[in-house]
Amino acid sequence: MQYTTLGNSDLRVSRICMGCMGFGDPATGQHRWTLGEAESREIIRYGLEQGINFFDTAIAYQNGSSERFVGRALRDSVKREEVVVATKFLPRTPEQITSGISVKQAMTQSLNQSLRNLGMDYVDLYIYHIWDYNSPVIEVLEALHAAITGGKVRAIGISNCYAWQLAKANALAGQEGLTPFVSVQSHYNLIMREDERELFGLCAEDNIALTPYSSLASGRLARPANTLTRRAAEDDYAKGKYDKTAEQDRVIIDRVAELARRYDVSMTEVSLAWLLTKTTAPVVGATQKHHIDGAVNAVKLQLSPEDIDYLEACYQPHALTGIMAQNSPKTKDTKQVWTR
């Protein structure tokens, strides 16, 4: 395993981040394909043995059971200071807004619940899960800064935002003496490359770490097209992200398979080796040990410039999907709020 510093923070992370959305009680959340605690614990322990020290979860994953499974597994397997744990908080709910609960109150309540779920005194990276168009971002920044000064958070990240939102938020943080975001977690992979237009330039300029999710496009970049799996059959959210562009994406998936055969490696290794040339630490979900093996092996695989060009040549522009489409300003009857 290789390690790197996460943006402008002092967090030292493995080049592969284990995504933990696949861990959690399948009876309590929106996903039916997640692993129970015993299976989750086995995968987490195996990841640790392979050198992974960076784990990403969220309070929203299976109603907090992902955090609980991850926390218990890590506490039983490793010293707290040897791992980097990231979790996420959601914007205020309409009910919280109506009830007059402030941004800081809502975030503090969520953070404290996450710490209870994890069984930890602090999180290393606390991530703003979805941009809140109904709350002044200065209040989000102030709440996060208070969590850092209070010792409950070491660094902050953001997910599912536009480049201009991240740029303005960090500029506001600098102006007000608050903590800036050091990482961004967005939807990026070989068949979803829209962030190259704006976000990548900003992150390179300001040394903001890129930790993309859906690194393997919910498994589509890890297996030949039309391969049937349990997740492929049951994950309606992933279908919504990728089914509409399946035909145009197929040629890229076929090229991944071709290079995998040429190098006698897995498609996972090729897809992630490409992604590792672009980002800091991709978030890779794992529900089986061979998923971890593929991710770890990808760190060692060196693609040639010709390979990279071959994989990228057939990409066509994609519309926003998933969270970004659902939370776009075009779908919200709101105006952007920056200050109180």
Protein backbone atom coordinates (compact mmCIF):
# COMPACT_ATOMS: atom_id res chain seq x y z
CA MET A 1 0.00 0.00 0.00
CA GLN A 2 1.07 3.58 -0.66
CA TYR A 3 0.16 6.53 1.57
CA THR A 4 -0.24 10.25 0.99
CA THR A 5 -1.25 13.42 2.82
CA LEU A 6 -4.88 14.43 2.44
CA GLY A 7 -4.79 17.88 0.86
CA ASN A 8 -3.81 20.65 3.26
CA SER A 9 -4.50 18.54 6.35
CA ASP A 10 -2.08 16.54 8.47
CA LEU A 11 -3.98 13.30 7.80
CA ARG A 12 -1.84 10.52 6.34
CA VAL A 13 -4.09 8.20 4.34
CA SER A 14 -3.80 5.07 2.24
CA ARG A 15 -4.20 5.63 -1.51
CA ILE A 16 -7.31 3.45 -1.29
CA CYS A 17 -10.16 4.52 0.98
CA MET A 18 -12.56 1.76 1.99
CA GLY A 19 -16.12 2.87 1.29
CA CYS A 20 -18.44 1.56 3.97
CA MET A 21 -21.88 2.10 2.43
CA GLY A 22 -22.03 -1.66 1.87
CA PHE A 23 -21.87 -2.30 5.62
CA GLY A 24 -25.03 -2.04 7.70
CA ASP A 25 -28.21 -3.80 8.68
CA PRO A 26 -30.09 -4.50 5.41
CA ALA A 27 -33.37 -4.42 7.31
CA THR A 28 -33.00 -0.83 8.54
CA GLY A 29 -31.99 1.24 5.52
CA GLN A 30 -32.68 1.90 1.87
CA HIS A 31 -30.27 -0.75 0.53
CA ARG A 32 -31.08 -4.45 0.64
CA TRP A 33 -27.66 -5.67 -0.50
CA THR A 34 -25.57 -4.52 2.49
CA LEU A 35 -23.57 -6.87 4.71
CA GLY A 36 -24.46 -7.78 8.27
CA GLU A 37 -22.07 -7.08 11.11
CA ALA A 38 -20.10 -10.33 11.10
CA GLU A 39 -19.44 -10.12 7.35
CA SER A 40 -18.63 -6.41 7.57
CA ARG A 41 -16.15 -7.02 10.36
CA GLU A 42 -14.35 -9.65 8.27
CA ILE A 43 -14.01 -7.29 5.29
CA ILE A 44 -12.77 -4.42 7.47
CA ARG A 45 -10.20 -6.61 9.18
CA TYR A 46 -8.96 -7.89 5.82
CA GLY A 47 -8.65 -4.32 4.53
CA LEU A 48 -6.55 -3.40 7.54
CA GLU A 49 -4.29 -6.39 6.90
CA GLN A 50 -3.75 -5.14 3.34
CA GLY A 51 -2.64 -1.72 4.58
CA ILE A 52 -5.84 0.30 4.19
CA ASN A 53 -6.09 2.88 6.99
CA PHE A 54 -8.75 5.21 5.51
CA PHE A 55 -12.44 4.38 6.07
CA ASP A 56 -15.43 6.37 4.83
CA THR A 57 -18.95 6.04 6.22
CA ALA A 58 -21.94 8.31 6.94
CA ILE A 59 -24.73 8.67 9.45
CA ALA A 60 -27.17 8.24 6.55
CA TYR A 61 -25.88 4.78 5.62
CA GLN A 62 -28.44 2.23 6.77
CA ASN A 63 -29.73 4.55 9.51
CA GLY A 64 -26.42 4.70 11.35
CA SER A 65 -25.77 0.95 11.43
CA SER A 66 -22.82 1.37 9.03
CA GLU A 67 -21.14 3.69 11.54
CA ARG A 68 -21.85 1.24 14.36
CA PHE A 69 -20.46 -1.75 12.46
CA VAL A 70 -17.36 0.17 11.36
CA GLY A 71 -16.71 1.60 14.81
CA ARG A 72 -16.93 -1.73 16.59
CA ALA A 73 -14.78 -3.51 14.01
CA LEU A 74 -12.03 -0.87 14.15
CA ARG A 75 -12.04 -0.67 17.95
CA ASP A 76 -11.53 -4.43 18.16
CA SER A 77 -8.79 -4.54 15.51
CA VAL A 78 -6.54 -1.49 15.65
CA LYS A 79 -5.42 1.45 17.74
CA ARG A 80 -7.52 4.56 17.17
CA GLU A 81 -4.58 6.69 16.02
CA GLU A 82 -3.65 4.16 13.34
CA VAL A 83 -6.75 4.77 11.21
CA VAL A 84 -8.35 7.77 9.51
CA VAL A 85 -12.13 7.68 9.88
CA ALA A 86 -14.41 9.86 7.78
CA THR A 87 -18.12 10.26 8.25
CA LYS A 88 -20.73 12.68 6.93
CA PHE A 89 -23.66 14.84 8.04
CA LEU A 90 -26.75 15.87 6.12
CA PRO A 91 -28.38 19.30 5.77
CA ARG A 92 -31.16 20.27 8.13
CA THR A 93 -34.48 18.57 7.44
CA PRO A 94 -37.57 20.67 6.59
CA GLU A 95 -38.91 19.76 10.02
CA GLN A 96 -35.77 21.06 11.73
CA ILE A 97 -35.94 24.29 9.76
CA THR A 98 -39.62 24.76 10.64
CA SER A 99 -38.86 24.06 14.30
CA GLY A 100 -36.19 26.75 14.38
CA ILE A 101 -33.26 24.38 14.93
CA SER A 102 -30.09 26.19 13.85
CA VAL A 103 -27.44 24.83 11.52
CA LYS A 104 -25.02 24.50 14.42
CA GLN A 105 -27.57 22.70 16.59
CA ALA A 106 -28.43 20.25 13.82
CA MET A 107 -24.81 19.56 12.91
CA THR A 108 -23.74 19.19 16.54
CA GLN A 109 -26.56 16.74 17.17
CA SER A 110 -25.57 14.73 14.09
CA LEU A 111 -21.87 14.75 15.01
CA ASN A 112 -22.55 13.63 18.56
CA GLN A 113 -24.75 10.81 17.30
CA SER A 114 -22.06 9.74 14.84
CA LEU A 115 -19.48 9.70 17.63
CA ARG A 116 -21.81 7.53 19.71
CA ASN A 117 -22.39 5.21 16.75
CA LEU A 118 -18.66 4.93 16.09
CA GLY A 119 -17.75 4.69 19.76
CA MET A 120 -15.05 7.31 19.23
CA ASP A 121 -14.10 10.65 20.78
CA TYR A 122 -13.39 12.32 17.43
CA VAL A 123 -13.61 11.81 13.68
CA ASP A 124 -10.61 12.52 11.49
CA LEU A 125 -12.55 13.88 8.52
CA TYR A 126 -16.08 15.26 8.84
CA ILE A 127 -17.79 15.67 5.49
CA TYR A 128 -20.63 17.99 4.49
CA HIS A 129 -22.64 15.33 2.64
CA ILE A 130 -24.95 17.43 0.45
CA TRP A 131 -25.01 21.17 -0.21
CA ASP A 132 -27.79 22.93 1.73
CA TYR A 133 -29.48 25.59 -0.39
CA ASN A 134 -31.67 26.65 2.54
CA SER A 135 -28.96 27.60 5.02
CA PRO A 136 -26.20 30.23 4.99
CA VAL A 137 -22.93 28.45 4.30
CA ILE A 138 -21.20 30.73 6.82
CA GLU A 139 -23.23 28.98 9.52
CA VAL A 140 -22.09 25.58 8.27
CA LEU A 141 -18.47 26.76 8.32
CA GLU A 142 -18.83 28.21 11.82
CA ALA A 143 -20.36 24.98 13.12
CA LEU A 144 -17.58 22.89 11.60
CA HIS A 145 -14.90 25.24 12.91
CA ALA A 146 -16.38 24.93 16.40
CA ALA A 147 -16.24 21.14 16.13
CA ILE A 148 -12.56 21.34 15.22
CA THR A 149 -11.64 23.75 17.99
CA GLY A 150 -13.64 21.55 20.37
CA GLY A 151 -11.49 18.55 19.50
CA LYS A 152 -14.25 16.45 17.95
CA VAL A 153 -13.06 16.79 14.33
CA ARG A 154 -9.54 16.97 12.84
CA ALA A 155 -10.33 18.16 9.31
CA ILE A 156 -13.37 18.87 7.15
CA GLY A 157 -14.40 17.83 3.67
CA ILE A 158 -17.32 18.40 1.35
CA SER A 159 -19.26 16.15 -1.01
CA ASN A 160 -21.64 16.67 -3.92
CA CYS A 161 -20.98 20.32 -4.69
CA TYR A 162 -20.09 22.48 -7.67
CA ALA A 163 -16.60 23.91 -8.03
CA TRP A 164 -17.89 27.46 -7.59
CA GLN A 165 -19.57 26.50 -4.32
CA LEU A 166 -16.38 25.00 -2.92
CA ALA A 167 -14.33 27.98 -4.10
CA LYS A 168 -16.65 30.53 -2.53
CA ALA A 169 -17.02 28.54 0.70
CA ASN A 170 -13.25 28.29 1.18
CA ALA A 171 -12.81 31.95 0.27
CA LEU A 172 -15.38 32.84 2.91
CA ALA A 173 -13.63 30.60 5.44
CA GLY A 174 -10.35 32.39 4.74
CA GLN A 175 -11.98 35.80 5.04
CA GLU A 176 -13.62 34.95 8.37
CA GLY A 177 -10.74 33.01 9.93
CA LEU A 178 -12.57 29.68 9.77
CA THR A 179 -11.38 26.21 8.80
CA PRO A 180 -11.49 25.50 5.04
CA PHE A 181 -12.47 22.25 3.36
CA VAL A 182 -9.42 20.08 2.64
CA SER A 183 -11.09 17.43 0.47
CA VAL A 184 -13.99 16.94 -1.90
CA GLN A 185 -15.83 13.68 -2.49
CA SER A 186 -17.69 13.67 -5.79
CA HIS A 187 -19.11 11.28 -8.37
CA TYR A 188 -16.16 10.51 -10.64
CA ASN A 189 -14.94 7.47 -12.56
CA LEU A 190 -14.07 6.38 -16.11
CA ILE A 191 -17.69 6.66 -17.27
CA MET A 192 -18.52 9.83 -15.29
CA ARG A 193 -15.82 12.48 -15.83
CA GLU A 194 -17.74 15.75 -15.67
CA ASP A 195 -15.72 17.03 -12.70
CA GLU A 196 -12.69 17.43 -14.97
CA ARG A 197 -14.32 20.57 -16.42
CA GLU A 198 -14.12 22.78 -13.30
CA LEU A 199 -13.55 20.93 -10.05
CA PHE A 200 -10.21 19.38 -10.96
CA GLY A 201 -8.59 22.71 -11.79
CA LEU A 202 -9.71 24.24 -8.50
CA CYS A 203 -8.45 21.29 -6.47
CA ALA A 204 -5.08 21.28 -8.22
CA GLU A 205 -4.70 25.03 -7.68
CA ASP A 206 -5.60 24.94 -3.97
CA ASN A 207 -4.25 21.47 -3.02
CA ILE A 208 -7.72 20.12 -2.19
CA ALA A 209 -7.75 16.33 -2.08
CA LEU A 210 -10.00 14.41 -4.45
CA THR A 211 -11.60 11.32 -2.90
CA PRO A 212 -14.24 10.30 -5.45
CA TYR A 213 -17.08 7.92 -4.72
CA SER A 214 -18.60 5.37 -7.12
CA SER A 215 -15.04 4.67 -8.27
CA LEU A 216 -16.11 1.54 -10.12
CA ALA A 217 -19.53 2.87 -11.18
CA SER A 218 -21.32 0.53 -8.77
CA GLY A 219 -19.39 -2.42 -10.19
CA ARG A 220 -19.90 -1.63 -13.88
CA LEU A 221 -16.18 -0.94 -14.34
CA ALA A 222 -15.22 -4.12 -12.50
CA ARG A 223 -16.96 -6.72 -14.67
CA PRO A 224 -17.94 -7.29 -18.30
CA ALA A 225 -21.12 -5.55 -19.43
CA ASN A 226 -24.39 -7.34 -18.58
CA THR A 227 -22.81 -9.45 -15.83
CA LEU A 228 -25.49 -10.29 -13.29
CA THR A 229 -24.79 -9.71 -9.59
CA ARG A 230 -26.98 -9.26 -6.55
CA ARG A 231 -26.19 -5.57 -6.36
CA ALA A 232 -26.79 -5.06 -10.08
CA ALA A 233 -30.23 -6.57 -9.63
CA GLU A 234 -31.20 -4.81 -6.40
CA ASP A 235 -29.49 -1.41 -6.41
CA ASP A 236 -32.13 0.84 -7.96
CA TYR A 237 -30.16 3.97 -7.05
CA ALA A 238 -27.17 2.81 -9.11
CA LYS A 239 -29.46 1.91 -11.98
CA GLY A 240 -30.72 5.49 -11.96
CA LYS A 241 -27.16 6.78 -12.21
CA TYR A 242 -25.95 4.56 -15.04
CA ASP A 243 -28.69 2.82 -17.00
CA LYS A 244 -29.52 5.80 -19.26
CA THR A 245 -25.95 5.96 -20.60
CA ALA A 246 -25.29 2.22 -20.68
CA GLU A 247 -24.83 2.03 -24.44
CA GLN A 248 -22.34 4.89 -24.72
CA ASP A 249 -20.48 3.63 -21.65
CA ARG A 250 -20.21 0.08 -22.96
CA VAL A 251 -17.30 0.89 -25.29
CA ILE A 252 -15.27 2.21 -22.34
CA ILE A 253 -16.10 -0.83 -20.22
CA ASP A 254 -15.06 -3.07 -23.11
CA ARG A 255 -11.74 -1.23 -23.33
CA VAL A 256 -11.17 -1.76 -19.60
CA ALA A 257 -11.79 -5.48 -20.14
CA GLU A 258 -9.40 -5.50 -23.10
CA LEU A 259 -6.57 -3.93 -21.10
CA ALA A 260 -7.27 -6.27 -18.18
CA ARG A 261 -6.79 -9.25 -20.51
CA ARG A 262 -3.64 -7.72 -22.00
CA TYR A 263 -2.02 -7.21 -18.58
CA ASP A 264 -3.55 -10.35 -17.02
CA VAL A 265 -5.16 -8.36 -14.22
CA SER A 266 -8.71 -7.67 -13.13
CA MET A 267 -10.93 -4.94 -14.56
CA THR A 268 -10.98 -3.43 -11.07
CA GLU A 269 -7.21 -2.99 -11.21
CA VAL A 270 -7.31 -1.25 -14.57
CA SER A 271 -10.20 1.07 -13.64
CA LEU A 272 -8.65 2.07 -10.33
CA ALA A 273 -5.13 2.37 -11.71
CA TRP A 274 -6.52 4.96 -14.12
CA LEU A 275 -8.36 6.72 -11.28
CA LEU A 276 -5.25 6.79 -9.12
CA THR A 277 -3.50 8.88 -11.79
CA LYS A 278 -6.20 11.53 -11.33
CA THR A 279 -7.14 11.60 -7.64
CA THR A 280 -5.76 11.40 -4.10
CA ALA A 281 -7.60 8.40 -2.66
CA PRO A 282 -10.65 6.95 -4.39
CA VAL A 283 -13.40 5.57 -2.17
CA VAL A 284 -13.82 1.90 -3.07
CA GLY A 285 -16.69 -0.14 -1.71
CA ALA A 286 -15.98 -3.74 -0.76
CA THR A 287 -18.36 -6.52 0.16
CA GLN A 288 -16.01 -9.39 -0.72
CA LYS A 289 -12.31 -9.93 -0.08
CA HIS A 290 -11.43 -10.02 -3.76
CA HIS A 291 -12.77 -6.47 -4.06
CA ILE A 292 -10.03 -5.40 -1.65
CA ASP A 293 -7.41 -7.43 -3.48
CA GLY A 294 -8.26 -5.69 -6.74
CA ALA A 295 -8.14 -2.25 -5.16
CA VAL A 296 -4.83 -2.86 -3.41
CA ASN A 297 -3.27 -4.36 -6.52
CA ALA A 298 -4.34 -1.31 -8.53
CA VAL A 299 -1.94 0.84 -6.52
CA LYS A 300 0.95 -1.12 -8.04
CA LEU A 301 -0.34 -1.20 -11.63
CA GLN A 302 1.28 1.39 -13.88
CA LEU A 303 -0.69 2.27 -17.00
CA SER A 304 1.18 3.80 -19.92
CA PRO A 305 0.18 7.20 -21.35
CA GLU A 306 -1.13 5.28 -24.38
CA ASP A 307 -3.31 3.11 -22.12
CA ILE A 308 -4.74 6.18 -20.43
CA ASP A 309 -5.50 7.84 -23.77
CA TYR A 310 -7.15 4.63 -24.98
CA LEU A 311 -9.43 4.47 -21.94
CA GLU A 312 -10.38 8.15 -22.18
CA ALA A 313 -10.82 8.55 -25.94
CA CYS A 314 -14.45 7.43 -26.24
CA TYR A 315 -15.93 9.35 -23.32
CA GLN A 316 -19.03 11.40 -24.12
CA PRO A 317 -20.50 14.16 -21.93
CA HIS A 318 -22.95 13.01 -19.27
CA ALA A 319 -25.82 14.77 -17.57
CA LEU A 320 -25.68 15.04 -13.79
CA THR A 321 -27.17 12.02 -12.05
CA GLY A 322 -27.73 10.81 -8.50
CA ILE A 323 -27.44 13.25 -5.63
CA MET A 324 -26.16 16.12 -7.76
CA ALA A 325 -29.16 15.91 -10.07
CA GLN A 326 -31.59 15.63 -7.17
CA ASN A 327 -29.99 18.52 -5.29
CA SER A 328 -29.36 20.83 -8.25
CA PRO A 329 -30.48 24.48 -8.00
CA LYS A 330 -32.70 23.75 -11.01
CA THR A 331 -34.68 21.26 -8.90
CA LYS A 332 -34.94 23.53 -5.85
CA ASP A 333 -37.36 26.39 -5.30
CA THR A 334 -34.67 28.30 -3.42
CA LYS A 335 -32.04 30.94 -3.94
CA GLN A 336 -28.40 30.56 -2.98
CA VAL A 337 -27.69 31.64 0.59
CA TRP A 338 -24.15 32.66 1.59
CA THR A 339 -24.50 34.91 4.61
CA ARG A 340 -27.09 35.43 7.29
